[in-house]
Amino acid sequence: MLPDQLTSASFSQYPTQSRRLANRQVSLLRRMPLGFVPLLLRELIAYDWKFPAERADLERQFAYLGSLEAGVFQTVMSPFARLNLSRSLEQMDWVNSPGVFSERLSAELWASHQIDAFRVAAVDYVGRVSAWAPDPVPPIHRLVIAVIGQGVESSDYRLFRKLARQGTNFTRIKPDDGIRVLLDAVARRSETYPLRYGHWYIDGGAPAAMPGGVTSISYDALAAPRAAIQNSIRRAYESTAFDPEALRTRMAQLKPQDVGFDSRGDAVLSRFQISLLTEGSGTQIFATTFVQWAAREVLRRAQPLTLVIRFAPRQREKPMNELLAEQQPTELDPQGSLIDADMGAYYTRLNQQRLSNAENSTFLAWFEDHSEAVAIGPSLAPGKRSDAAIDLANLVSQIA
């Protein structure tokens, strides 16, 4: 099947909102080349479970493409139309399985040395869409808070070496009731700027209670889905004919109810959480990896105004076959987790800077229950050290 053969009936298996959007855009989809349209359908087929920011981005792409005159449209699509694709790709059910098509397309482009041309075309396309309709400016600057070092009484490891270059290193924080201070700041921002999926709290252990305006996920709360996915991975790993690609495809096809999520819950959040456990490497096993990957995905997909991440100790590293077969109580590694979390906080800051209005964003990394923190923002001098005593609440008020 080729794109110009698409009809409204082609999308009969799509979820409700995805099908409606596809039907509204079917005439536009018919004009797109095979090297492009399944990539757009990969996002469209999951429209029902996307965050508002993702939906807005997809709708912006359709609006942009629909606004183009015929000649300009052809210019934008021509690099994708020039791709030399195999007959087997054309014969795939790329309408209902655009994700599988995308994986095979990528492999074929690499094998045929067309990947560079595709990458250039993709970057040009994204740039055109962004120039046509830039990302909206958020109603308040984005704030990210990373809490690291839970369970560590003392450490000789030099924290915040990378982050301190971007902001001010505070050495005499008064940490009294620190976690509650931070979460209260999130709650206040969510009340002042209510936005669905706009304020998040991610915990590597068991989370504290949060108001309804804050989306909360945690490693401990996902124990049952993690175990189900881990068992599936272990069975595949121990099989006589282990196929990593087949396992990846099987993981991508899992639905929330397959691993124990309540079908009556928030479908968008359930789908997001299962993606964290099936697309991330090690998120089922290591709490620090889970938090770092979850923070990356929340920033990339939900584009929140506020994000608090709290790293908890992960289990001690062992060979993968032992980790997958672990039956005994896990041995935790707080010191190693501190180093993981320090780097995870730095990567989270980098991901925050990829969002709109990044120049006005603020960031705080705090060594939990200790006196050291680094704060980054327009009003804070980079590379500076402050040895003055300051309450954590006062510092948060400066950046929140």
Protein backbone atom coordinates (compact mmCIF):
# COMPACT_ATOMS: atom_id res chain seq x y z
CA MET A 1 0.00 0.00 0.00
CA LEU A 2 1.19 3.52 -0.84
CA PRO A 3 0.13 6.76 0.90
CA ASP A 4 -2.01 7.95 -2.01
CA GLN A 5 -4.27 4.93 -1.40
CA LEU A 6 -5.19 5.99 2.14
CA THR A 7 -8.87 6.42 3.01
CA SER A 8 -10.76 7.08 6.23
CA ALA A 9 -11.30 3.33 6.54
CA SER A 10 -7.52 2.84 6.72
CA PHE A 11 -7.58 4.16 10.30
CA SER A 12 -10.47 2.06 11.62
CA GLN A 13 -8.21 0.33 14.16
CA TYR A 14 -6.84 3.56 15.60
CA PRO A 15 -7.95 4.76 19.06
CA THR A 16 -10.86 7.18 19.10
CA GLN A 17 -9.10 10.56 19.12
CA SER A 18 -6.30 9.36 16.83
CA ARG A 19 -8.86 8.13 14.31
CA ARG A 20 -10.72 11.44 14.32
CA LEU A 21 -7.55 13.42 13.72
CA ALA A 22 -6.42 11.04 10.97
CA ASN A 23 -9.78 11.31 9.23
CA ARG A 24 -9.56 15.10 9.29
CA GLN A 25 -6.10 14.97 7.75
CA VAL A 26 -6.47 12.04 5.34
CA SER A 27 -6.24 14.21 2.21
CA LEU A 28 -2.98 15.71 3.49
CA LEU A 29 -1.60 12.29 4.48
CA ARG A 30 -2.23 11.00 0.95
CA ARG A 31 0.17 13.64 -0.40
CA MET A 32 3.11 12.52 1.76
CA PRO A 33 5.81 10.06 0.60
CA LEU A 34 6.26 6.63 2.16
CA GLY A 35 9.57 7.74 3.65
CA PHE A 36 7.72 10.29 5.79
CA VAL A 37 4.06 9.51 6.45
CA PRO A 38 4.55 6.40 8.69
CA LEU A 39 6.82 8.46 10.95
CA LEU A 40 4.00 10.95 11.43
CA LEU A 41 1.52 8.09 11.95
CA ARG A 42 3.78 6.66 14.67
CA GLU A 43 2.98 9.78 16.69
CA LEU A 44 -0.62 9.99 15.54
CA ILE A 45 -1.57 6.43 16.51
CA ALA A 46 -0.61 7.20 20.13
CA TYR A 47 -2.39 10.59 20.19
CA ASP A 48 -4.95 9.44 22.77
CA TRP A 49 -2.17 8.78 25.30
CA LYS A 50 0.04 11.76 24.64
CA PHE A 51 0.60 14.71 26.95
CA PRO A 52 -0.91 18.07 25.97
CA ALA A 53 2.47 19.40 24.83
CA GLU A 54 2.93 16.41 22.51
CA ARG A 55 -0.56 16.78 21.09
CA ALA A 56 0.04 20.45 20.43
CA ASP A 57 3.28 19.63 18.61
CA LEU A 58 1.58 17.07 16.36
CA GLU A 59 -1.28 19.44 15.60
CA ARG A 60 1.26 22.16 14.81
CA GLN A 61 2.92 19.88 12.25
CA PHE A 62 -0.40 19.20 10.52
CA ALA A 63 -1.23 22.91 10.55
CA TYR A 64 2.16 23.77 9.06
CA LEU A 65 1.98 21.14 6.32
CA GLY A 66 -1.61 22.07 5.53
CA SER A 67 -0.67 25.74 5.13
CA LEU A 68 1.95 25.13 2.44
CA GLU A 69 1.39 25.90 -1.20
CA ALA A 70 1.80 22.92 -3.52
CA GLY A 71 5.31 23.89 -4.64
CA VAL A 72 6.63 24.49 -1.13
CA PHE A 73 5.03 21.27 0.11
CA GLN A 74 6.80 19.35 -2.61
CA THR A 75 10.10 21.01 -1.69
CA VAL A 76 9.73 20.02 1.97
CA MET A 77 8.75 16.43 1.15
CA SER A 78 11.13 15.85 -1.76
CA PRO A 79 14.13 14.64 0.33
CA PHE A 80 11.90 11.95 1.87
CA ALA A 81 10.40 11.10 -1.53
CA ARG A 82 13.90 10.55 -2.97
CA LEU A 83 14.69 7.80 -0.46
CA ASN A 84 15.09 4.45 -2.19
CA LEU A 85 12.91 2.08 -0.15
CA SER A 86 12.55 -1.65 -0.62
CA ARG A 87 9.42 -3.40 -1.81
CA SER A 88 9.15 -5.16 1.55
CA LEU A 89 8.68 -1.82 3.31
CA GLU A 90 5.90 -0.87 0.91
CA GLN A 91 4.17 -4.17 1.61
CA MET A 92 4.22 -3.72 5.38
CA ASP A 93 1.12 -2.72 7.29
CA TRP A 94 2.73 0.61 8.04
CA VAL A 95 -0.63 2.22 8.80
CA ASN A 96 -1.38 0.03 11.82
CA SER A 97 2.23 -0.75 12.76
CA PRO A 98 4.11 2.51 12.13
CA GLY A 99 6.48 1.85 15.03
CA VAL A 100 7.67 -1.45 13.52
CA PHE A 101 7.96 0.24 10.14
CA SER A 102 10.12 2.98 11.67
CA GLU A 103 12.53 0.43 13.14
CA ARG A 104 12.87 -1.40 9.82
CA LEU A 105 13.19 1.86 7.91
CA SER A 106 16.05 2.91 10.15
CA ALA A 107 17.85 -0.40 9.61
CA GLU A 108 17.34 -0.17 5.85
CA LEU A 109 18.59 3.42 5.68
CA TRP A 110 21.74 2.47 7.56
CA ALA A 111 22.35 -0.57 5.36
CA SER A 112 21.82 1.40 2.16
CA HIS A 113 23.90 4.41 3.30
CA GLN A 114 20.92 6.75 3.10
CA ILE A 115 20.78 7.60 6.80
CA ASP A 116 22.75 10.85 6.43
CA ALA A 117 20.38 12.16 3.76
CA PHE A 118 17.42 11.21 5.92
CA ARG A 119 18.89 12.94 8.96
CA VAL A 120 19.51 16.15 7.01
CA ALA A 121 15.93 16.08 5.72
CA ALA A 122 14.52 15.48 9.20
CA VAL A 123 16.51 18.32 10.78
CA ASP A 124 15.44 20.67 8.00
CA TYR A 125 11.79 19.69 8.46
CA VAL A 126 11.85 20.24 12.23
CA GLY A 127 13.54 23.60 11.72
CA ARG A 128 10.87 24.70 9.25
CA VAL A 129 8.03 23.75 11.61
CA SER A 130 9.68 25.51 14.55
CA ALA A 131 10.31 28.66 12.50
CA TRP A 132 6.69 28.69 11.31
CA ALA A 133 5.29 28.34 14.84
CA PRO A 134 7.86 28.69 17.67
CA ASP A 135 7.23 26.97 20.99
CA PRO A 136 4.98 29.09 23.23
CA VAL A 137 6.54 30.92 26.15
CA PRO A 138 5.47 29.27 29.43
CA PRO A 139 3.43 31.34 31.91
CA ILE A 140 6.28 31.11 34.45
CA HIS A 141 9.91 30.09 34.20
CA ARG A 142 10.58 26.36 34.45
CA LEU A 143 11.93 25.07 37.76
CA VAL A 144 13.71 21.74 38.26
CA ILE A 145 14.86 20.47 41.67
CA ALA A 146 17.07 17.40 42.05
CA VAL A 147 17.53 15.80 45.48
CA ILE A 148 20.45 13.39 45.73
CA GLY A 149 22.28 11.34 48.35
CA GLN A 150 19.43 9.81 50.33
CA GLY A 151 20.83 7.56 53.06
CA VAL A 152 24.40 8.88 52.81
CA GLU A 153 25.70 10.16 56.16
CA SER A 154 29.02 11.43 54.83
CA SER A 155 31.04 11.24 51.64
CA ASP A 156 34.46 12.28 50.35
CA TYR A 157 33.11 12.51 46.84
CA ARG A 158 33.21 16.03 45.46
CA LEU A 159 29.65 16.86 44.50
CA PHE A 160 28.29 19.21 41.82
CA ARG A 161 31.58 19.66 39.97
CA LYS A 162 29.78 20.17 36.65
CA LEU A 163 26.69 21.96 37.95
CA ALA A 164 28.68 24.43 40.07
CA ARG A 165 30.21 25.92 36.93
CA GLN A 166 26.73 27.06 35.90
CA GLY A 167 25.52 28.45 39.21
CA THR A 168 26.25 29.24 42.84
CA ASN A 169 27.50 26.54 45.22
CA PHE A 170 25.97 27.00 48.69
CA THR A 171 27.91 25.29 51.48
CA ARG A 172 25.89 26.22 54.62
CA ILE A 173 22.32 25.28 53.82
CA LYS A 174 20.05 24.76 56.82
CA PRO A 175 18.31 21.55 55.77
CA ASP A 176 15.55 21.34 58.39
CA ASP A 177 12.48 19.56 56.98
CA GLY A 178 14.04 19.98 53.56
CA ILE A 179 11.90 17.56 51.55
CA ARG A 180 8.68 19.13 52.77
CA VAL A 181 10.03 22.59 51.97
CA LEU A 182 10.72 21.54 48.37
CA LEU A 183 7.41 19.76 47.86
CA ASP A 184 5.48 22.68 49.32
CA ALA A 185 7.11 24.92 46.72
CA VAL A 186 5.90 22.56 43.98
CA ALA A 187 2.40 22.58 45.45
CA ARG A 188 2.30 26.38 45.52
CA ARG A 189 3.38 26.63 41.89
CA SER A 190 0.77 24.07 40.85
CA GLU A 191 -1.95 26.05 42.62
CA THR A 192 -0.86 29.36 41.10
CA TYR A 193 -0.32 27.97 37.61
CA PRO A 194 -2.68 25.00 37.27
CA LEU A 195 -1.76 22.98 34.22
CA ARG A 196 -2.49 19.32 33.56
CA TYR A 197 0.80 17.41 33.67
CA GLY A 198 2.51 20.74 34.26
CA HIS A 199 4.00 19.93 37.69
CA TRP A 200 5.75 16.64 38.53
CA TYR A 201 7.31 14.77 41.43
CA ILE A 202 9.42 11.68 40.67
CA ASP A 203 10.78 9.57 43.53
CA GLY A 204 13.26 6.71 43.41
CA GLY A 205 11.66 5.21 46.50
CA ALA A 206 8.28 5.73 48.13
CA PRO A 207 6.87 9.19 47.41
CA ALA A 208 5.46 11.68 49.88
CA ALA A 209 1.81 12.72 49.55
CA MET A 210 1.17 15.48 47.02
CA PRO A 211 -1.90 17.54 46.05
CA GLY A 212 -3.92 16.61 42.99
CA GLY A 213 -2.34 19.30 40.84
CA VAL A 214 1.04 17.54 40.96
CA THR A 215 1.63 14.39 38.91
CA SER A 216 3.51 11.88 41.04
CA ILE A 217 5.28 8.66 40.07
CA SER A 218 7.71 6.50 42.02
CA TYR A 219 9.92 3.45 41.70
CA ASP A 220 8.31 1.68 44.66
CA ALA A 221 4.76 2.22 43.41
CA LEU A 222 5.72 0.46 40.17
CA ALA A 223 7.03 -2.66 41.92
CA ALA A 224 4.41 -5.00 40.39
CA PRO A 225 4.78 -3.79 36.77
CA ARG A 226 8.56 -3.80 37.15
CA ALA A 227 8.50 -7.40 38.34
CA ALA A 228 6.23 -8.49 35.48
CA ILE A 229 8.45 -6.86 32.87
CA GLN A 230 11.59 -8.14 34.53
CA ASN A 231 10.21 -11.70 34.44
CA SER A 232 9.43 -11.32 30.75
CA ILE A 233 12.95 -10.09 30.06
CA ARG A 234 14.43 -12.95 32.09
CA ARG A 235 12.44 -15.58 30.17
CA ALA A 236 13.61 -14.11 26.87
CA TYR A 237 17.19 -13.87 28.13
CA GLU A 238 17.21 -17.52 29.22
CA SER A 239 15.59 -18.87 26.05
CA THR A 240 17.67 -21.05 23.71
CA ALA A 241 17.24 -18.56 20.86
CA PHE A 242 17.48 -15.13 22.46
CA ASP A 243 16.51 -12.43 19.95
CA PRO A 244 17.07 -8.88 21.29
CA GLU A 245 15.13 -7.26 18.44
CA ALA A 246 12.13 -9.51 19.00
CA LEU A 247 12.24 -8.71 22.71
CA ARG A 248 12.31 -4.99 21.96
CA THR A 249 9.28 -5.32 19.68
CA ARG A 250 7.42 -7.37 22.29
CA MET A 251 8.17 -4.76 24.97
CA ALA A 252 6.89 -1.97 22.69
CA GLN A 253 3.61 -3.82 22.20
CA LEU A 254 2.84 -4.27 25.90
CA LYS A 255 -0.25 -2.51 27.19
CA PRO A 256 -0.64 -1.20 30.75
CA GLN A 257 -3.15 -3.91 31.67
CA ASP A 258 -0.64 -6.57 30.56
CA VAL A 259 1.58 -5.76 33.53
CA GLY A 260 -1.01 -4.94 36.16
CA PHE A 261 -1.97 -1.28 35.71
CA ASP A 262 -5.53 -0.45 36.67
CA SER A 263 -7.55 0.01 33.48
CA ARG A 264 -9.71 2.56 35.32
CA GLY A 265 -6.76 4.83 36.06
CA ASP A 266 -5.20 7.69 34.13
CA ALA A 267 -4.58 6.13 30.70
CA VAL A 268 -2.07 8.81 29.66
CA LEU A 269 -0.02 8.36 32.84
CA SER A 270 -0.23 4.55 32.71
CA ARG A 271 1.04 4.50 29.12
CA PHE A 272 3.83 6.87 30.06
CA GLN A 273 4.91 4.73 33.02
CA ILE A 274 4.97 1.54 30.99
CA SER A 275 7.09 3.33 28.38
CA LEU A 276 9.60 4.19 31.13
CA LEU A 277 9.90 0.50 32.02
CA THR A 278 9.97 -0.89 28.46
CA GLU A 279 12.00 1.73 26.60
CA GLY A 280 14.54 2.61 29.27
CA SER A 281 17.60 0.43 29.84
CA GLY A 282 17.87 -0.63 33.49
CA THR A 283 14.80 1.29 34.66
CA GLN A 284 13.26 -1.98 35.88
CA ILE A 285 16.27 -2.77 38.07
CA PHE A 286 18.05 0.39 39.24
CA ALA A 287 16.18 3.14 41.09
CA THR A 288 18.70 5.81 40.08
CA THR A 289 18.39 4.87 36.41
CA PHE A 290 14.61 4.99 36.70
CA VAL A 291 14.64 8.53 38.12
CA GLN A 292 17.14 9.85 35.58
CA TRP A 293 15.27 8.34 32.61
CA ALA A 294 11.87 9.42 33.95
CA ALA A 295 13.12 12.99 34.37
CA ARG A 296 14.45 12.99 30.81
CA GLU A 297 11.16 11.73 29.39
CA VAL A 298 9.00 14.08 31.46
CA LEU A 299 11.01 17.08 30.29
CA ARG A 300 11.04 15.90 26.68
CA ARG A 301 7.39 14.90 26.45
CA ALA A 302 5.34 16.77 29.07
CA GLN A 303 7.54 19.91 29.10
CA PRO A 304 6.47 20.79 32.66
CA LEU A 305 6.70 24.07 34.51
CA THR A 306 7.94 22.32 37.66
CA LEU A 307 9.80 19.07 38.22
CA VAL A 308 11.17 17.62 41.46
CA ILE A 309 13.21 14.43 41.29
CA ARG A 310 14.41 12.58 44.37
CA PHE A 311 17.04 9.91 43.92
CA ALA A 312 17.01 6.95 46.31
CA PRO A 313 19.67 4.27 46.83
CA ARG A 314 19.78 1.66 44.08
CA GLN A 315 20.72 -1.96 44.52
CA ARG A 316 24.39 -2.86 44.23
CA GLU A 317 25.51 -3.69 40.71
CA LYS A 318 25.88 -7.36 39.77
CA PRO A 319 26.07 -9.32 36.52
CA MET A 320 22.81 -8.93 34.56
CA ASN A 321 21.80 -12.59 34.85
CA GLU A 322 22.03 -12.30 38.66
CA LEU A 323 20.04 -9.08 38.71
CA LEU A 324 17.27 -10.59 36.58
CA ALA A 325 17.15 -13.71 38.75
CA GLU A 326 17.36 -11.82 42.06
CA GLN A 327 15.21 -13.50 44.70
CA GLN A 328 16.94 -12.40 47.88
CA PRO A 329 16.51 -8.97 49.50
CA THR A 330 18.57 -6.50 47.51
CA GLU A 331 21.77 -5.00 48.86
CA LEU A 332 21.71 -1.22 48.53
CA ASP A 333 24.65 0.96 47.54
CA PRO A 334 24.11 4.51 48.89
CA GLN A 335 27.63 5.72 48.08
CA GLY A 336 27.55 4.49 44.51
CA SER A 337 24.03 5.86 44.15
CA LEU A 338 25.24 9.30 45.24
CA ILE A 339 27.68 9.39 42.33
CA ASP A 340 24.98 8.16 39.94
CA ALA A 341 22.56 10.81 41.17
CA ASP A 342 25.12 13.61 40.92
CA MET A 343 25.61 12.80 37.25
CA GLY A 344 21.87 12.25 36.81
CA ALA A 345 21.17 15.73 38.17
CA TYR A 346 23.64 17.21 35.67
CA TYR A 347 22.00 15.40 32.75
CA THR A 348 18.60 16.58 33.95
CA ARG A 349 19.83 20.17 33.84
CA LEU A 350 21.02 19.64 30.26
CA ASN A 351 17.60 18.31 29.28
CA GLN A 352 15.88 21.26 30.95
CA GLN A 353 17.93 23.62 28.80
CA ARG A 354 16.52 22.06 25.63
CA LEU A 355 13.05 23.47 26.37
CA SER A 356 11.62 26.83 25.38
CA ASN A 357 12.55 29.89 27.45
CA ALA A 358 15.58 27.97 28.77
CA GLU A 359 17.50 31.17 29.47
CA ASN A 360 15.06 32.02 32.26
CA SER A 361 14.81 28.54 33.80
CA THR A 362 16.06 27.80 37.32
CA PHE A 363 17.58 24.66 38.80
CA LEU A 364 18.45 23.41 42.28
CA ALA A 365 20.45 20.33 43.24
CA TRP A 366 20.59 19.52 46.95
CA PHE A 367 22.49 16.89 48.93
CA GLU A 368 19.59 15.56 51.01
CA ASP A 369 19.75 16.33 54.75
CA HIS A 370 23.10 18.05 54.26
CA SER A 371 24.31 21.63 53.94
CA GLU A 372 25.45 21.60 50.32
CA ALA A 373 23.47 22.65 47.27
CA VAL A 374 23.95 24.36 43.94
CA ALA A 375 21.42 26.78 42.46
CA ILE A 376 21.33 27.94 38.84
CA GLY A 377 19.33 30.80 37.39
CA PRO A 378 19.53 34.21 35.73
CA SER A 379 20.11 35.97 39.07
CA LEU A 380 22.79 33.55 40.31
CA ALA A 381 26.42 34.03 39.33
CA PRO A 382 28.04 31.01 37.64
CA GLY A 383 31.04 29.46 39.32
CA LYS A 384 30.44 31.31 42.59
CA ARG A 385 30.69 29.85 46.10
CA SER A 386 28.60 31.08 49.02
CA ASP A 387 29.59 30.18 52.57
CA ALA A 388 26.84 32.28 54.16
CA ALA A 389 24.24 30.43 56.21
CA ILE A 390 20.85 30.25 54.49
CA ASP A 391 17.60 28.36 55.08
CA LEU A 392 16.67 25.99 52.30
CA ALA A 393 13.25 27.65 52.21
CA ASN A 394 14.82 31.04 51.53
CA LEU A 395 16.96 29.64 48.74
CA VAL A 396 13.95 27.94 47.14
CA SER A 397 11.94 31.16 47.31
CA GLN A 398 14.66 32.91 45.28
CA ILE A 399 14.39 30.47 42.38
CA ALA A 400 10.77 29.24 42.53
